[in-house]
């Protein structure tokens, strides 16, 4: 009787490369804190932009265009 062939010595192994991006896995809490910080930065930018627009409007209301520049 012939003996059955032995099973392959090496089973298929999956090989994964390490993450090359350098990204560090973060917890949900850390991601939430970072998102809050980002939103706070955006809010500050909006407030600054709003202040700039308000100053622009106030300046132009205080210094109206002379009538000779108005074309009717």
N, C-alpha and C. Protein backbone atom coordinates (compact mmCIF):
# COMPACT_ATOMS: atom_id res chain seq x y z
N UNK A 1 0.80 -1.17 0.00
CA UNK A 1 0.00 0.00 0.00
C UNK A 1 0.85 1.25 0.00
N UNK A 2 0.44 2.16 -0.78
CA UNK A 2 1.16 3.42 -0.85
C UNK A 2 0.65 4.35 0.24
N UNK A 3 1.58 4.99 0.88
CA UNK A 3 1.18 5.91 1.94
C UNK A 3 0.70 7.22 1.32
N UNK A 4 -0.29 7.87 1.94
CA UNK A 4 -0.75 9.17 1.39
C UNK A 4 0.35 10.20 1.54
N UNK A 5 0.34 11.14 0.61
CA UNK A 5 1.37 12.19 0.64
C UNK A 5 1.20 13.02 1.91
N UNK A 6 2.31 13.38 2.53
CA UNK A 6 2.19 14.18 3.75
C UNK A 6 1.64 15.58 3.41
N UNK A 7 0.94 16.16 4.39
CA UNK A 7 0.40 17.52 4.18
C UNK A 7 1.57 18.48 3.97
N UNK A 8 1.27 19.53 3.31
CA UNK A 8 2.31 20.53 3.07
C UNK A 8 2.88 20.98 4.40
N UNK A 9 4.19 21.10 4.44
CA UNK A 9 4.86 21.48 5.68
C UNK A 9 4.52 22.90 6.10
N UNK A 10 4.32 23.75 5.12
CA UNK A 10 4.07 25.16 5.41
C UNK A 10 2.65 25.50 5.04
N UNK A 11 1.93 25.94 6.00
CA UNK A 11 0.58 26.40 5.71
C UNK A 11 0.66 27.85 5.24
N UNK A 12 -0.37 28.27 4.58
CA UNK A 12 -0.38 29.64 4.08
C UNK A 12 -0.42 30.61 5.26
N UNK A 13 0.54 31.51 5.32
CA UNK A 13 0.58 32.52 6.36
C UNK A 13 0.37 33.88 5.72
N UNK A 14 -0.39 34.69 6.40
CA UNK A 14 -0.55 36.05 5.89
C UNK A 14 0.56 36.90 6.48
N UNK A 15 1.13 37.68 5.63
CA UNK A 15 2.24 38.55 6.04
C UNK A 15 1.76 39.98 5.91
N UNK A 16 1.80 40.72 6.99
CA UNK A 16 1.38 42.11 6.95
C UNK A 16 2.59 43.00 7.20
N UNK A 17 2.66 44.04 6.43
CA UNK A 17 3.74 45.00 6.60
C UNK A 17 3.38 45.97 7.72
N UNK A 18 4.36 46.44 8.44
CA UNK A 18 4.06 47.45 9.46
C UNK A 18 3.58 48.73 8.80
N UNK A 19 2.82 49.50 9.53
CA UNK A 19 2.29 50.76 9.03
C UNK A 19 3.44 51.72 8.74
N UNK A 20 3.59 52.11 7.49
CA UNK A 20 4.68 52.99 7.09
C UNK A 20 4.34 54.47 7.26
N UNK A 21 3.07 54.78 7.54
CA UNK A 21 2.66 56.18 7.62
C UNK A 21 3.14 56.85 8.89
N UNK A 22 3.47 56.06 9.89
CA UNK A 22 3.91 56.64 11.15
C UNK A 22 2.74 57.05 12.02
N UNK A 23 1.52 56.75 11.56
CA UNK A 23 0.34 57.11 12.34
C UNK A 23 0.25 56.23 13.59
N UNK A 24 -0.10 56.85 14.65
CA UNK A 24 -0.23 56.13 15.91
C UNK A 24 -1.71 55.91 16.17
N UNK A 25 -2.10 54.68 16.46
CA UNK A 25 -3.51 54.46 16.75
C UNK A 25 -3.92 55.27 17.97
N UNK A 26 -5.07 55.93 17.89
CA UNK A 26 -5.51 56.77 19.00
C UNK A 26 -6.86 56.28 19.51
N UNK A 27 -7.13 56.62 20.73
CA UNK A 27 -8.39 56.22 21.33
C UNK A 27 -9.50 57.15 20.84
N UNK A 28 -10.72 56.73 21.06
CA UNK A 28 -11.87 57.55 20.66
C UNK A 28 -11.86 58.87 21.44
N UNK A 29 -11.44 58.81 22.69
CA UNK A 29 -11.39 60.03 23.50
C UNK A 29 -10.37 61.02 22.95
N UNK A 30 -9.21 60.52 22.54
CA UNK A 30 -8.18 61.40 21.98
C UNK A 30 -8.65 62.03 20.67
N UNK A 31 -9.33 61.23 19.84
CA UNK A 31 -9.85 61.77 18.57
C UNK A 31 -10.91 62.83 18.85
N UNK A 32 -11.77 62.58 19.84
CA UNK A 32 -12.81 63.56 20.18
C UNK A 32 -12.21 64.86 20.68
N UNK A 33 -11.16 64.76 21.51
CA UNK A 33 -10.50 65.97 22.01
C UNK A 33 -9.88 66.76 20.87
N UNK A 34 -9.27 66.06 19.93
CA UNK A 34 -8.64 66.73 18.79
C UNK A 34 -9.70 67.41 17.92
N UNK A 35 -10.83 66.73 17.75
CA UNK A 35 -11.92 67.30 16.95
C UNK A 35 -12.47 68.57 17.62
N UNK A 36 -12.60 68.52 18.95
CA UNK A 36 -13.07 69.70 19.69
C UNK A 36 -12.09 70.85 19.51
N UNK A 37 -10.80 70.56 19.60
CA UNK A 37 -9.78 71.60 19.43
C UNK A 37 -9.87 72.21 18.03
N UNK A 38 -10.07 71.36 17.02
CA UNK A 38 -10.19 71.85 15.64
C UNK A 38 -11.41 72.75 15.49
N UNK A 39 -12.52 72.33 16.07
CA UNK A 39 -13.74 73.15 15.98
C UNK A 39 -13.58 74.48 16.72
N UNK A 40 -12.87 74.46 17.85
CA UNK A 40 -12.62 75.70 18.58
C UNK A 40 -11.77 76.66 17.75
N UNK A 41 -10.78 76.13 17.04
CA UNK A 41 -9.95 76.96 16.17
C UNK A 41 -10.79 77.57 15.05
N UNK A 42 -11.67 76.76 14.46
CA UNK A 42 -12.54 77.26 13.39
C UNK A 42 -13.47 78.35 13.92
N UNK A 43 -13.99 78.16 15.12
CA UNK A 43 -14.87 79.16 15.73
C UNK A 43 -14.14 80.47 15.95
N UNK A 44 -12.89 80.41 16.41
CA UNK A 44 -12.10 81.63 16.60
C UNK A 44 -11.90 82.36 15.27
N UNK A 45 -11.63 81.61 14.21
CA UNK A 45 -11.45 82.23 12.89
C UNK A 45 -12.74 82.91 12.44
N UNK A 46 -13.88 82.27 12.68
CA UNK A 46 -15.16 82.86 12.30
C UNK A 46 -15.42 84.13 13.10
N UNK A 47 -15.11 84.10 14.40
CA UNK A 47 -15.29 85.29 15.23
C UNK A 47 -14.41 86.44 14.75
N UNK A 48 -13.16 86.13 14.40
CA UNK A 48 -12.25 87.17 13.92
C UNK A 48 -12.76 87.75 12.61
N UNK A 49 -13.22 86.88 11.71
CA UNK A 49 -13.73 87.33 10.42
C UNK A 49 -14.97 88.19 10.62
N UNK A 50 -15.81 87.79 11.55
CA UNK A 50 -17.02 88.56 11.83
C UNK A 50 -16.65 89.95 12.38
N UNK A 51 -15.67 89.99 13.27
CA UNK A 51 -15.21 91.27 13.81
C UNK A 51 -14.66 92.18 12.73
N UNK A 52 -13.94 91.60 11.79
CA UNK A 52 -13.39 92.38 10.67
C UNK A 52 -14.53 92.97 9.84
N UNK A 53 -15.53 92.15 9.55
CA UNK A 53 -16.66 92.63 8.76
C UNK A 53 -17.42 93.73 9.50
N UNK A 54 -17.60 93.55 10.82
CA UNK A 54 -18.31 94.56 11.59
C UNK A 54 -17.54 95.88 11.58
N UNK A 55 -16.23 95.82 11.73
CA UNK A 55 -15.42 97.05 11.71
C UNK A 55 -15.54 97.72 10.35
N UNK A 56 -15.53 96.93 9.28
CA UNK A 56 -15.66 97.46 7.93
C UNK A 56 -16.98 98.20 7.77
N UNK A 57 -18.07 97.58 8.21
CA UNK A 57 -19.40 98.19 8.09
C UNK A 57 -19.48 99.45 8.94
N UNK A 58 -19.02 99.37 10.17
CA UNK A 58 -19.07 100.52 11.07
C UNK A 58 -18.28 101.69 10.49
N UNK A 59 -17.10 101.38 9.94
CA UNK A 59 -16.28 102.44 9.35
C UNK A 59 -17.03 103.10 8.20
N UNK A 60 -17.61 102.30 7.34
CA UNK A 60 -18.28 102.88 6.17
C UNK A 60 -19.59 103.57 6.53
N UNK A 61 -20.24 103.17 7.61
CA UNK A 61 -21.42 103.90 8.06
C UNK A 61 -21.02 105.24 8.67
N UNK A 62 -19.87 105.26 9.31
CA UNK A 62 -19.40 106.50 9.93
C UNK A 62 -18.81 107.45 8.89
N UNK A 63 -18.39 106.92 7.75
CA UNK A 63 -17.79 107.75 6.70
C UNK A 63 -18.56 107.51 5.40
N UNK A 64 -19.74 108.10 5.28
CA UNK A 64 -20.55 107.85 4.07
C UNK A 64 -19.87 108.40 2.83
N UNK A 65 -20.23 107.84 1.71
CA UNK A 65 -19.70 108.28 0.43
C UNK A 65 -20.31 109.65 0.11
N UNK A 66 -19.49 110.61 -0.26
CA UNK A 66 -20.03 111.94 -0.60
C UNK A 66 -21.03 111.82 -1.76
N UNK A 67 -22.00 112.72 -1.77
CA UNK A 67 -23.06 112.67 -2.74
C UNK A 67 -22.56 112.78 -4.19
N UNK A 68 -21.43 113.47 -4.41
CA UNK A 68 -20.94 113.64 -5.79
C UNK A 68 -20.37 112.35 -6.36
N UNK A 69 -20.19 111.30 -5.54
CA UNK A 69 -19.77 110.02 -6.06
C UNK A 69 -20.96 109.14 -6.40
N UNK A 70 -22.13 109.55 -5.99
CA UNK A 70 -23.34 108.76 -6.27
C UNK A 70 -23.86 109.13 -7.66
N UNK A 71 -24.10 108.17 -8.44
CA UNK A 71 -24.62 108.41 -9.79
C UNK A 71 -26.10 108.10 -9.79
N UNK A 72 -26.91 109.08 -10.21
CA UNK A 72 -28.35 108.82 -10.26
C UNK A 72 -28.85 108.89 -11.67
